[in-house]
C-alpha atoms as a PDB file:
ATOM      1  CA  MET A   1      43.520   0.567  -2.977  1.00  0.00           C
ATOM      2  CA  GLN A   2      42.650   2.094  -6.365  1.00  0.00           C
ATOM      3  CA  THR A   3      40.374   5.082  -6.190  1.00  0.00           C
ATOM      4  CA  ARG A   4      37.816   6.069  -8.774  1.00  0.00           C
ATOM      5  CA  ARG A   5      38.901   8.910 -11.006  1.00  0.00           C
ATOM      6  CA  ARG A   6      36.210  11.473 -11.416  1.00  0.00           C
ATOM      7  CA  ILE A   7      35.870  13.147 -14.790  1.00  0.00           C
ATOM      8  CA  SER A   8      36.391  16.870 -14.809  1.00  0.00           C
ATOM      9  CA  LYS A   9      33.294  18.739 -15.995  1.00  0.00           C
ATOM     10  CA  ARG A  10      35.629  20.682 -18.293  1.00  0.00           C
ATOM     11  CA  GLN A  11      36.282  17.475 -20.222  1.00  0.00           C
ATOM     12  CA  LEU A  12      32.623  16.872 -20.733  1.00  0.00           C
ATOM     13  CA  THR A  13      30.390  17.662 -23.705  1.00  0.00           C
ATOM     14  CA  PRO A  14      26.661  18.122 -23.105  1.00  0.00           C
ATOM     15  CA  ASN A  15      25.996  14.721 -24.694  1.00  0.00           C
ATOM     16  CA  THR A  16      28.552  13.109 -22.359  1.00  0.00           C
ATOM     17  CA  GLU A  17      26.939  14.698 -19.294  1.00  0.00           C
ATOM     18  CA  SER A  18      23.535  13.375 -20.360  1.00  0.00           C
ATOM     19  CA  ALA A  19      24.956   9.908 -21.093  1.00  0.00           C
ATOM     20  CA  LEU A  20      26.768   9.701 -17.776  1.00  0.00           C
ATOM     21  CA  GLY A  21      23.757  10.879 -15.857  1.00  0.00           C
ATOM     22  CA  GLN A  22      21.576   8.201 -17.523  1.00  0.00           C
ATOM     23  CA  ALA A  23      24.141   5.433 -17.033  1.00  0.00           C
ATOM     24  CA  TYR A  24      24.569   6.213 -13.338  1.00  0.00           C
ATOM     25  CA  VAL A  25      20.720   6.097 -12.885  1.00  0.00           C
ATOM     26  CA  LEU A  26      20.438   2.880 -14.751  1.00  0.00           C
ATOM     27  CA  SER A  27      23.153   1.420 -12.453  1.00  0.00           C
ATOM     28  CA  GLU A  28      21.256   2.806  -9.432  1.00  0.00           C
ATOM     29  CA  ASN A  29      24.248   5.091  -8.566  1.00  0.00           C
ATOM     30  CA  TYR A  30      21.887   8.041  -7.909  1.00  0.00           C
ATOM     31  CA  GLN A  31      24.341  10.167  -5.910  1.00  0.00           C
ATOM     32  CA  ASP A  32      26.910  10.318  -8.844  1.00  0.00           C
ATOM     33  CA  ALA A  33      24.056  10.644 -11.401  1.00  0.00           C
ATOM     34  CA  LEU A  34      22.563  13.785  -9.950  1.00  0.00           C
ATOM     35  CA  PRO A  35      25.253  16.418 -10.730  1.00  0.00           C
ATOM     36  CA  TYR A  36      25.441  15.327 -14.323  1.00  0.00           C
ATOM     37  CA  LEU A  37      21.726  15.314 -14.806  1.00  0.00           C
ATOM     38  CA  VAL A  38      21.387  18.792 -13.065  1.00  0.00           C
ATOM     39  CA  ALA A  39      24.134  20.176 -15.433  1.00  0.00           C
ATOM     40  CA  ALA A  40      22.468  18.498 -18.515  1.00  0.00           C
ATOM     41  CA  THR A  41      19.052  19.894 -17.780  1.00  0.00           C
ATOM     42  CA  ASP A  42      20.007  23.329 -16.411  1.00  0.00           C
ATOM     43  CA  ARG A  43      22.530  24.506 -18.939  1.00  0.00           C
ATOM     44  CA  ALA A  44      21.449  27.598 -20.910  1.00  0.00           C
ATOM     45  CA  SER A  45      21.405  25.774 -24.282  1.00  0.00           C
ATOM     46  CA  ALA A  46      19.414  22.799 -23.058  1.00  0.00           C
ATOM     47  CA  GLN A  47      16.044  22.115 -24.704  1.00  0.00           C
ATOM     48  CA  PRO A  48      13.372  20.776 -22.461  1.00  0.00           C
ATOM     49  CA  ASP A  49      13.781  16.996 -22.546  1.00  0.00           C
ATOM     50  CA  ALA A  50      11.159  14.887 -20.740  1.00  0.00           C
ATOM     51  CA  THR A  51      13.436  11.839 -20.569  1.00  0.00           C
ATOM     52  CA  MET A  52      16.307  13.702 -19.063  1.00  0.00           C
ATOM     53  CA  ILE A  53      14.177  15.597 -16.554  1.00  0.00           C
ATOM     54  CA  TYR A  54      12.588  12.239 -15.517  1.00  0.00           C
ATOM     55  CA  TYR A  55      16.113  10.801 -14.798  1.00  0.00           C
ATOM     56  CA  ARG A  56      16.881  13.832 -12.837  1.00  0.00           C
ATOM     57  CA  GLY A  57      13.685  13.383 -10.867  1.00  0.00           C
ATOM     58  CA  ILE A  58      14.547   9.748 -10.105  1.00  0.00           C
ATOM     59  CA  ALA A  59      17.955  10.797  -8.869  1.00  0.00           C
ATOM     60  CA  GLU A  60      16.515  13.480  -6.757  1.00  0.00           C
ATOM     61  CA  TYR A  61      13.947  11.251  -5.312  1.00  0.00           C
ATOM     62  CA  LYS A  62      16.364   8.453  -4.510  1.00  0.00           C
ATOM     63  CA  THR A  63      18.755  10.724  -2.773  1.00  0.00           C
ATOM     64  CA  GLY A  64      16.153  12.275  -0.524  1.00  0.00           C
ATOM     65  CA  LYS A  65      15.589  15.557  -2.361  1.00  0.00           C
ATOM     66  CA  VAL A  66      11.897  14.939  -2.635  1.00  0.00           C
ATOM     67  CA  ALA A  67      10.776  18.572  -3.100  1.00  0.00           C
ATOM     68  CA  ASP A  68      13.135  18.907  -6.113  1.00  0.00           C
ATOM     69  CA  ALA A  69      11.946  15.576  -7.375  1.00  0.00           C
ATOM     70  CA  GLU A  70       8.407  16.746  -7.282  1.00  0.00           C
ATOM     71  CA  LYS A  71       9.307  19.825  -9.355  1.00  0.00           C
ATOM     72  CA  SER A  72      11.170  17.570 -11.857  1.00  0.00           C
ATOM     73  CA  PHE A  73       8.228  15.172 -12.191  1.00  0.00           C
ATOM     74  CA  ASN A  74       5.680  18.002 -12.534  1.00  0.00           C
ATOM     75  CA  THR A  75       7.889  19.434 -15.362  1.00  0.00           C
ATOM     76  CA  VAL A  76       7.781  16.005 -17.083  1.00  0.00           C
ATOM     77  CA  ILE A  77       3.995  15.884 -16.972  1.00  0.00           C
ATOM     78  CA  LYS A  78       3.815  19.382 -18.469  1.00  0.00           C
ATOM     79  CA  LEU A  79       6.026  18.125 -21.399  1.00  0.00           C
ATOM     80  CA  ASN A  80       4.291  14.705 -21.616  1.00  0.00           C
ATOM     81  CA  PRO A  81       0.923  14.582 -19.742  1.00  0.00           C
ATOM     82  CA  LYS A  82       0.782  10.814 -20.395  1.00  0.00           C
ATOM     83  CA  ASP A  83       3.944   9.916 -18.536  1.00  0.00           C
ATOM     84  CA  GLY A  84       2.506   7.234 -16.234  1.00  0.00           C
ATOM     85  CA  ILE A  85       5.735   6.554 -14.245  1.00  0.00           C
ATOM     86  CA  SER A  86       6.183  10.277 -13.404  1.00  0.00           C
ATOM     87  CA  LEU A  87       2.592  10.427 -12.218  1.00  0.00           C
ATOM     88  CA  PHE A  88       3.152   7.293 -10.123  1.00  0.00           C
ATOM     89  CA  TYR A  89       6.156   9.045  -8.328  1.00  0.00           C
ATOM     90  CA  LEU A  90       3.958  12.174  -7.830  1.00  0.00           C
ATOM     91  CA  GLY A  91       1.378   9.832  -6.266  1.00  0.00           C
ATOM     92  CA  GLN A  92       4.054   8.436  -3.929  1.00  0.00           C
ATOM     93  CA  ILE A  93       5.171  11.828  -2.927  1.00  0.00           C
ATOM     94  CA  GLY A  94       1.626  12.949  -2.251  1.00  0.00           C
ATOM     95  CA  LEU A  95       0.953   9.982  -0.127  1.00  0.00           C
ATOM     96  CA  ALA A  96       4.171  10.671   1.881  1.00  0.00           C
ATOM     97  CA  LYS A  97       2.892  14.181   2.509  1.00  0.00           C
ATOM     98  CA  ASN A  98      -0.648  12.842   3.424  1.00  0.00           C
ATOM     99  CA  ASP A  99      -2.069  14.743   0.462  1.00  0.00           C
ATOM    100  CA  LEU A 100      -4.558  12.050  -0.314  1.00  0.00           C
ATOM    101  CA  ASP A 101      -6.554  14.087  -2.848  1.00  0.00           C
ATOM    102  CA  GLY A 102      -3.466  14.999  -4.787  1.00  0.00           C
ATOM    103  CA  ALA A 103      -2.065  11.475  -4.637  1.00  0.00           C
ATOM    104  CA  ILE A 104      -5.288   9.912  -5.837  1.00  0.00           C
ATOM    105  CA  ALA A 105      -5.511  12.386  -8.680  1.00  0.00           C
ATOM    106  CA  SER A 106      -1.932  11.489  -9.967  1.00  0.00           C
ATOM    107  CA  LEU A 107      -2.347   7.785  -9.384  1.00  0.00           C
ATOM    108  CA  ASN A 108      -5.658   7.664 -11.330  1.00  0.00           C
ATOM    109  CA  ARG A 109      -4.013   9.488 -14.253  1.00  0.00           C
ATOM    110  CA  ALA A 110      -1.029   7.052 -13.976  1.00  0.00           C
ATOM    111  CA  THR A 111      -3.347   3.944 -14.248  1.00  0.00           C
ATOM    112  CA  VAL A 112      -5.333   5.486 -17.091  1.00  0.00           C
ATOM    113  CA  ASN A 113      -2.221   6.153 -19.071  1.00  0.00           C
ATOM    114  CA  ASP A 114      -0.591   2.878 -18.320  1.00  0.00           C
ATOM    115  CA  THR A 115      -2.803   0.060 -17.196  1.00  0.00           C
ATOM    116  CA  ARG A 116       0.198  -2.135 -16.496  1.00  0.00           C
ATOM    117  CA  LEU A 117       1.595  -0.081 -13.692  1.00  0.00           C
ATOM    118  CA  VAL A 118       1.262  -2.511 -10.792  1.00  0.00           C
ATOM    119  CA  GLY A 119       2.683  -0.091  -8.182  1.00  0.00           C
ATOM    120  CA  ALA A 120       0.176   2.709  -9.186  1.00  0.00           C
ATOM    121  CA  TRP A 121      -2.782   0.302  -8.870  1.00  0.00           C
ATOM    122  CA  THR A 122      -1.554  -0.809  -5.473  1.00  0.00           C
ATOM    123  CA  LEU A 123      -1.034   2.692  -4.184  1.00  0.00           C
ATOM    124  CA  LEU A 124      -4.312   3.843  -5.623  1.00  0.00           C
ATOM    125  CA  THR A 125      -6.236   1.069  -3.824  1.00  0.00           C
ATOM    126  CA  SER A 126      -4.482   1.891  -0.531  1.00  0.00           C
ATOM    127  CA  ALA A 127      -4.953   5.662  -0.951  1.00  0.00           C
ATOM    128  CA  TYR A 128      -8.790   5.256  -1.347  1.00  0.00           C
ATOM    129  CA  LEU A 129      -8.864   2.982   1.703  1.00  0.00           C
ATOM    130  CA  ARG A 130      -6.922   5.565   3.716  1.00  0.00           C
ATOM    131  CA  ARG A 131      -9.160   8.415   2.631  1.00  0.00           C
ATOM    132  CA  ALA A 132     -12.295   6.425   3.430  1.00  0.00           C
ATOM    133  CA  ALA A 133     -11.063   5.411   6.811  1.00  0.00           C
ATOM    134  CA  THR A 134     -10.289   9.053   7.732  1.00  0.00           C
ATOM    135  CA  SER A 135     -13.358  10.622   6.248  1.00  0.00           C
ATOM    136  CA  SER A 136     -15.993  12.234   8.560  1.00  0.00           C
ATOM    137  CA  ASP A 137     -18.620  11.976   5.865  1.00  0.00           C
ATOM    138  CA  PRO A 138     -20.201   8.567   5.577  1.00  0.00           C
ATOM    139  CA  ALA A 139     -21.361   9.084   2.050  1.00  0.00           C
ATOM    140  CA  LYS A 140     -17.840  10.098   0.896  1.00  0.00           C
ATOM    141  CA  ALA A 141     -16.313   7.180   2.726  1.00  0.00           C
ATOM    142  CA  ASP A 142     -18.703   4.770   1.086  1.00  0.00           C
ATOM    143  CA  ALA A 143     -17.854   6.200  -2.272  1.00  0.00           C
ATOM    144  CA  ASP A 144     -14.142   5.909  -1.659  1.00  0.00           C
ATOM    145  CA  TYR A 145     -14.543   2.223  -0.497  1.00  0.00           C
ATOM    146  CA  LEU A 146     -16.297   1.587  -3.857  1.00  0.00           C
ATOM    147  CA  ASN A 147     -13.439   3.404  -5.634  1.00  0.00           C
ATOM    148  CA  ALA A 148     -10.993   1.236  -3.725  1.00  0.00           C
ATOM    149  CA  VAL A 149     -12.786  -1.831  -5.060  1.00  0.00           C
ATOM    150  CA  ARG A 150     -12.563  -0.587  -8.606  1.00  0.00           C
ATOM    151  CA  ALA A 151      -8.871   0.131  -8.226  1.00  0.00           C
ATOM    152  CA  GLY A 152      -8.425  -3.242  -6.693  1.00  0.00           C
ATOM    153  CA  GLU A 153     -10.148  -4.791  -9.677  1.00  0.00           C
ATOM    154  CA  GLY A 154      -7.476  -3.087 -11.780  1.00  0.00           C
ATOM    155  CA  LEU A 155      -4.724  -4.325  -9.482  1.00  0.00           C
ATOM    156  CA  ILE A 156      -5.688  -8.072  -9.622  1.00  0.00           C
ATOM    157  CA  LYS A 157      -5.687  -7.991 -13.461  1.00  0.00           C
ATOM    158  CA  VAL A 158      -1.892  -7.269 -13.378  1.00  0.00           C
ATOM    159  CA  ARG A 159      -0.921  -8.811 -10.050  1.00  0.00           C
ATOM    160  CA  THR A 160      -2.346 -12.017  -8.552  1.00  0.00           C
ATOM    161  CA  ASP A 161      -0.141 -12.793  -5.558  1.00  0.00           C
ATOM    162  CA  ALA A 162      -1.681 -13.089  -2.109  1.00  0.00           C
ATOM    163  CA  GLU A 163      -0.764  -9.507  -1.051  1.00  0.00           C
ATOM    164  CA  ALA A 164      -2.530  -7.958  -4.001  1.00  0.00           C
ATOM    165  CA  VAL A 165      -5.625 -10.121  -3.470  1.00  0.00           C
ATOM    166  CA  THR A 166      -5.614  -9.403   0.237  1.00  0.00           C
ATOM    167  CA  LEU A 167      -5.612  -5.664  -0.480  1.00  0.00           C
ATOM    168  CA  PHE A 168      -8.494  -6.205  -2.821  1.00  0.00           C
ATOM    169  CA  GLY A 169     -10.347  -8.227  -0.195  1.00  0.00           C
ATOM    170  CA  GLN A 170      -9.814  -5.365   2.268  1.00  0.00           C
ATOM    171  CA  ALA A 171     -11.458  -2.994  -0.182  1.00  0.00           C
ATOM    172  CA  LEU A 172     -14.410  -5.314  -0.619  1.00  0.00           C
ATOM    173  CA  ILE A 173     -14.856  -5.549   3.121  1.00  0.00           C
ATOM    174  CA  GLY A 174     -14.866  -1.717   3.349  1.00  0.00           C
ATOM    175  CA  ALA A 175     -17.544  -1.661   0.669  1.00  0.00           C
ATOM    176  CA  LYS A 176     -19.534  -4.185   2.651  1.00  0.00           C
ATOM    177  CA  GLN A 177     -19.285  -6.833  -0.248  1.00  0.00           C
ATOM    178  CA  TYR A 178     -18.587  -9.586   2.342  1.00  0.00           C
ATOM    179  CA  ALA A 179     -19.442 -12.720   0.239  1.00  0.00           C
ATOM    180  CA  ARG A 180     -17.255 -11.385  -2.563  1.00  0.00           C
ATOM    181  CA  ALA A 181     -14.464 -10.514  -0.170  1.00  0.00           C
ATOM    182  CA  ALA A 182     -14.607 -14.018   1.443  1.00  0.00           C
ATOM    183  CA  SER A 183     -14.317 -15.653  -1.985  1.00  0.00           C
ATOM    184  CA  ALA A 184     -11.334 -13.518  -2.954  1.00  0.00           C
ATOM    185  CA  LEU A 185      -9.557 -14.045   0.345  1.00  0.00           C
ATOM    186  CA  GLU A 186     -10.264 -17.743   0.397  1.00  0.00           C
ATOM    187  CA  THR A 187      -8.272 -17.883  -2.851  1.00  0.00           C
ATOM    188  CA  ALA A 188      -5.411 -15.807  -1.385  1.00  0.00           C
ATOM    189  CA  SER A 189      -5.325 -17.931   1.683  1.00  0.00           C
ATOM    190  CA  THR A 190      -4.376 -20.956  -0.347  1.00  0.00           C
ATOM    191  CA  ARG A 191      -1.205 -19.272  -1.635  1.00  0.00           C
ATOM    192  CA  GLN A 192       2.198 -19.947  -0.024  1.00  0.00           C
ATOM    193  CA  ASP A 193       2.747 -16.235   0.431  1.00  0.00           C
ATOM    194  CA  ALA A 194      -0.535 -15.780   2.449  1.00  0.00           C
ATOM    195  CA  THR A 195       0.052 -13.881   5.697  1.00  0.00           C
ATOM    196  CA  GLY A 196      -1.746 -13.417   8.928  1.00  0.00           C
ATOM    197  CA  ILE A 197      -3.522 -10.411   7.618  1.00  0.00           C
ATOM    198  CA  THR A 198      -4.992 -12.525   4.808  1.00  0.00           C
ATOM    199  CA  PHE A 199      -6.578 -14.999   7.218  1.00  0.00           C
ATOM    200  CA  TYR A 200      -7.542 -12.108   9.560  1.00  0.00           C
ATOM    201  CA  LEU A 201      -9.492 -10.367   6.787  1.00  0.00           C
ATOM    202  CA  LEU A 202     -10.924 -13.671   5.708  1.00  0.00           C
ATOM    203  CA  GLY A 203     -12.186 -14.175   9.179  1.00  0.00           C
ATOM    204  CA  VAL A 204     -13.643 -10.646   9.271  1.00  0.00           C
ATOM    205  CA  ALA A 205     -15.462 -11.240   5.856  1.00  0.00           C
ATOM    206  CA  HIS A 206     -16.978 -14.528   7.039  1.00  0.00           C
ATOM    207  CA  SER A 207     -17.968 -13.009  10.321  1.00  0.00           C
ATOM    208  CA  ARG A 208     -19.667 -10.042   8.774  1.00  0.00           C
ATOM    209  CA  ALA A 209     -21.474 -12.522   6.458  1.00  0.00           C
ATOM    210  CA  THR A 210     -22.508 -14.471   9.691  1.00  0.00           C
ATOM    211  CA  ASN A 211     -20.599 -17.575   8.592  1.00  0.00           C
ATOM    212  CA  PHE A 212     -19.072 -17.986  12.043  1.00  0.00           C
ATOM    213  CA  PRO A 213     -17.656 -21.447  11.625  1.00  0.00           C
ATOM    214  CA  LYS A 214     -15.495 -20.313   8.716  1.00  0.00           C
ATOM    215  CA  ALA A 215     -14.716 -17.140  10.541  1.00  0.00           C
ATOM    216  CA  VAL A 216     -13.372 -19.141  13.460  1.00  0.00           C
ATOM    217  CA  ALA A 217     -11.238 -21.392  11.253  1.00  0.00           C
ATOM    218  CA  ALA A 218      -9.715 -18.378   9.468  1.00  0.00           C
ATOM    219  CA  LEU A 219      -9.101 -16.476  12.699  1.00  0.00           C
ATOM    220  CA  GLU A 220      -7.470 -19.468  14.333  1.00  0.00           C
ATOM    221  CA  ASN A 221      -4.954 -19.552  11.453  1.00  0.00           C
ATOM    222  CA  ALA A 222      -4.505 -15.840  11.721  1.00  0.00           C
ATOM    223  CA  ALA A 223      -3.616 -16.209  15.375  1.00  0.00           C
ATOM    224  CA  LYS A 224      -0.980 -18.870  14.466  1.00  0.00           C
ATOM    225  CA  LYS A 225       0.601 -16.622  11.838  1.00  0.00           C
ATOM    226  CA  SER A 226       0.232 -13.354  13.790  1.00  0.00           C
ATOM    227  CA  PRO A 227       0.330 -14.149  17.521  1.00  0.00           C
ATOM    228  CA  ASP A 228       0.942 -10.535  18.478  1.00  0.00           C
ATOM    229  CA  ASP A 229      -2.004  -9.046  16.556  1.00  0.00           C
ATOM    230  CA  VAL A 230      -4.576  -7.901  19.026  1.00  0.00           C
ATOM    231  CA  ASN A 231      -7.242  -7.503  16.372  1.00  0.00           C
ATOM    232  CA  VAL A 232      -7.172 -11.117  15.606  1.00  0.00           C
ATOM    233  CA  TYR A 233      -8.016 -12.038  19.226  1.00  0.00           C
ATOM    234  CA  ARG A 234     -10.790  -9.281  19.270  1.00  0.00           C
ATOM    235  CA  GLU A 235     -12.455 -10.935  16.271  1.00  0.00           C
ATOM    236  CA  LEU A 236     -11.766 -14.554  17.302  1.00  0.00           C
ATOM    237  CA  GLY A 237     -13.243 -13.942  20.755  1.00  0.00           C
ATOM    238  CA  TYR A 238     -16.279 -12.398  19.194  1.00  0.00           C
ATOM    239  CA  ALA A 239     -16.825 -15.328  16.823  1.00  0.00           C
ATOM    240  CA  TYR A 240     -16.436 -17.756  19.704  1.00  0.00           C
ATOM    241  CA  GLU A 241     -18.844 -15.708  21.753  1.00  0.00           C
ATOM    242  CA  VAL A 242     -21.576 -15.547  19.092  1.00  0.00           C
ATOM    243  CA  THR A 243     -21.402 -19.322  18.665  1.00  0.00           C
ATOM    244  CA  LYS A 244     -21.577 -19.721  22.471  1.00  0.00           C
ATOM    245  CA  GLN A 245     -18.076 -21.252  22.843  1.00  0.00           C
ATOM    246  CA  TYR A 246     -17.537 -19.222  25.908  1.00  0.00           C
ATOM    247  CA  ALA A 247     -14.502 -20.918  27.257  1.00  0.00           C
ATOM    248  CA  LYS A 248     -12.704 -20.502  23.957  1.00  0.00           C
ATOM    249  CA  ALA A 249     -13.916 -16.901  23.812  1.00  0.00           C
ATOM    250  CA  LEU A 250     -12.583 -16.210  27.286  1.00  0.00           C
ATOM    251  CA  SER A 251      -9.236 -17.659  26.173  1.00  0.00           C
ATOM    252  CA  ALA A 252      -9.076 -15.445  23.080  1.00  0.00           C
ATOM    253  CA  TYR A 253      -9.871 -12.350  24.958  1.00  0.00           C
ATOM    254  CA  GLN A 254      -7.274 -13.319  27.636  1.00  0.00           C
ATOM    255  CA  ARG A 255      -4.647 -13.787  24.920  1.00  0.00           C
ATOM    256  CA  GLY A 256      -5.520 -10.295  23.474  1.00  0.00           C
ATOM    257  CA  ALA A 257      -5.294  -8.796  26.945  1.00  0.00           C
ATOM    258  CA  ALA A 258      -1.874 -10.362  27.372  1.00  0.00           C
ATOM    259  CA  VAL A 259      -0.648  -8.554  24.235  1.00  0.00           C
ATOM    260  CA  ALA A 260      -2.501  -5.268  25.029  1.00  0.00           C
ATOM    261  CA  PRO A 261      -2.822  -5.168  28.841  1.00  0.00           C
ATOM    262  CA  ALA A 262      -4.146  -1.562  28.782  1.00  0.00           C
ATOM    263  CA  ASP A 263      -7.000  -2.368  26.307  1.00  0.00           C
ATOM    264  CA  ALA A 264     -10.216  -1.761  28.274  1.00  0.00           C
ATOM    265  CA  ASP A 265     -12.294  -3.619  25.573  1.00  0.00           C
ATOM    266  CA  PHE A 266     -10.596  -6.897  26.328  1.00  0.00           C
ATOM    267  CA  LYS A 267     -10.985  -6.379  30.209  1.00  0.00           C
ATOM    268  CA  GLU A 268     -14.773  -5.822  29.587  1.00  0.00           C
ATOM    269  CA  SER A 269     -15.057  -8.875  27.227  1.00  0.00           C
ATOM    270  CA  ILE A 270     -13.303 -11.011  29.716  1.00  0.00           C
ATOM    271  CA  GLU A 271     -15.673 -10.072  32.483  1.00  0.00           C
ATOM    272  CA  ARG A 272     -18.717 -10.455  30.231  1.00  0.00           C
ATOM    273  CA  VAL A 273     -17.977 -14.076  29.136  1.00  0.00           C
ATOM    274  CA  LYS A 274     -16.287 -15.334  32.364  1.00  0.00           C
ATOM    275  CA  PRO A 275     -19.523 -16.385  34.125  1.00  0.00           C
ATOM    276  CA  PHE A 276     -20.423 -18.648  31.062  1.00  0.00           C
ATOM    277  CA  ALA A 277     -16.966 -20.081  30.522  1.00  0.00           C
ATOM    278  CA  LYS A 278     -17.418 -23.312  32.411  1.00  0.00           C
ATOM    279  CA  PRO A 279     -14.449 -25.707  32.436  1.00  0.00           C
END
């Protein structure tokens, strides 16, 4: 077997180091790229170069050196404050650390500087939803749900697949814009790539808008696509119960209890509807 011959660093000029580092990154060989990029950016004679430091950050990030990557991307932003992709990576790093405020700040800057950054819009929408869901201040949570809607509007301008529209629909539900959510999610549900979560959220939107027949239809589809999702049975049982379909409500709650036997809510719901669930 022929082994790859590594080039001795003594044979390399600074330009060759830079070129090799870039080439390895572009071929997704990040492990081999990193030593060359470190040498190219750390040598005493090196002038700060945002592009080379960005490549270094990518290689660090992809090889698990996240703290080093964060430093590199921050250096890039100091050199070029409008570098959207470096801001996107800083947003990813922030989310991984659960620094939602920092991630949102970076991702907002990324989308302002490059409105075509699909990943940044996606993460920004998700980050607002996470911050809203974990907030103890209802007013701040409501504001973040509205921010999630605005980010989702940016997202669906550049990405129209079911996953993107489903995320937008989730933001609309959080903002209590149920009719608008139902409309968006109805569109997403007709796509081939629609998933159980799409139909589940569509059911939630219809249910909150008190359109229970449509809620039932969507949630029945969700149960077919995601038979192990307890939330589907919780919502489906509720929709059946509200429309006085007690036997079907009992069945939905029992299916939920089978998936989550320790869930006290299902036990309580089963006992509540059982007297009305006549054969």
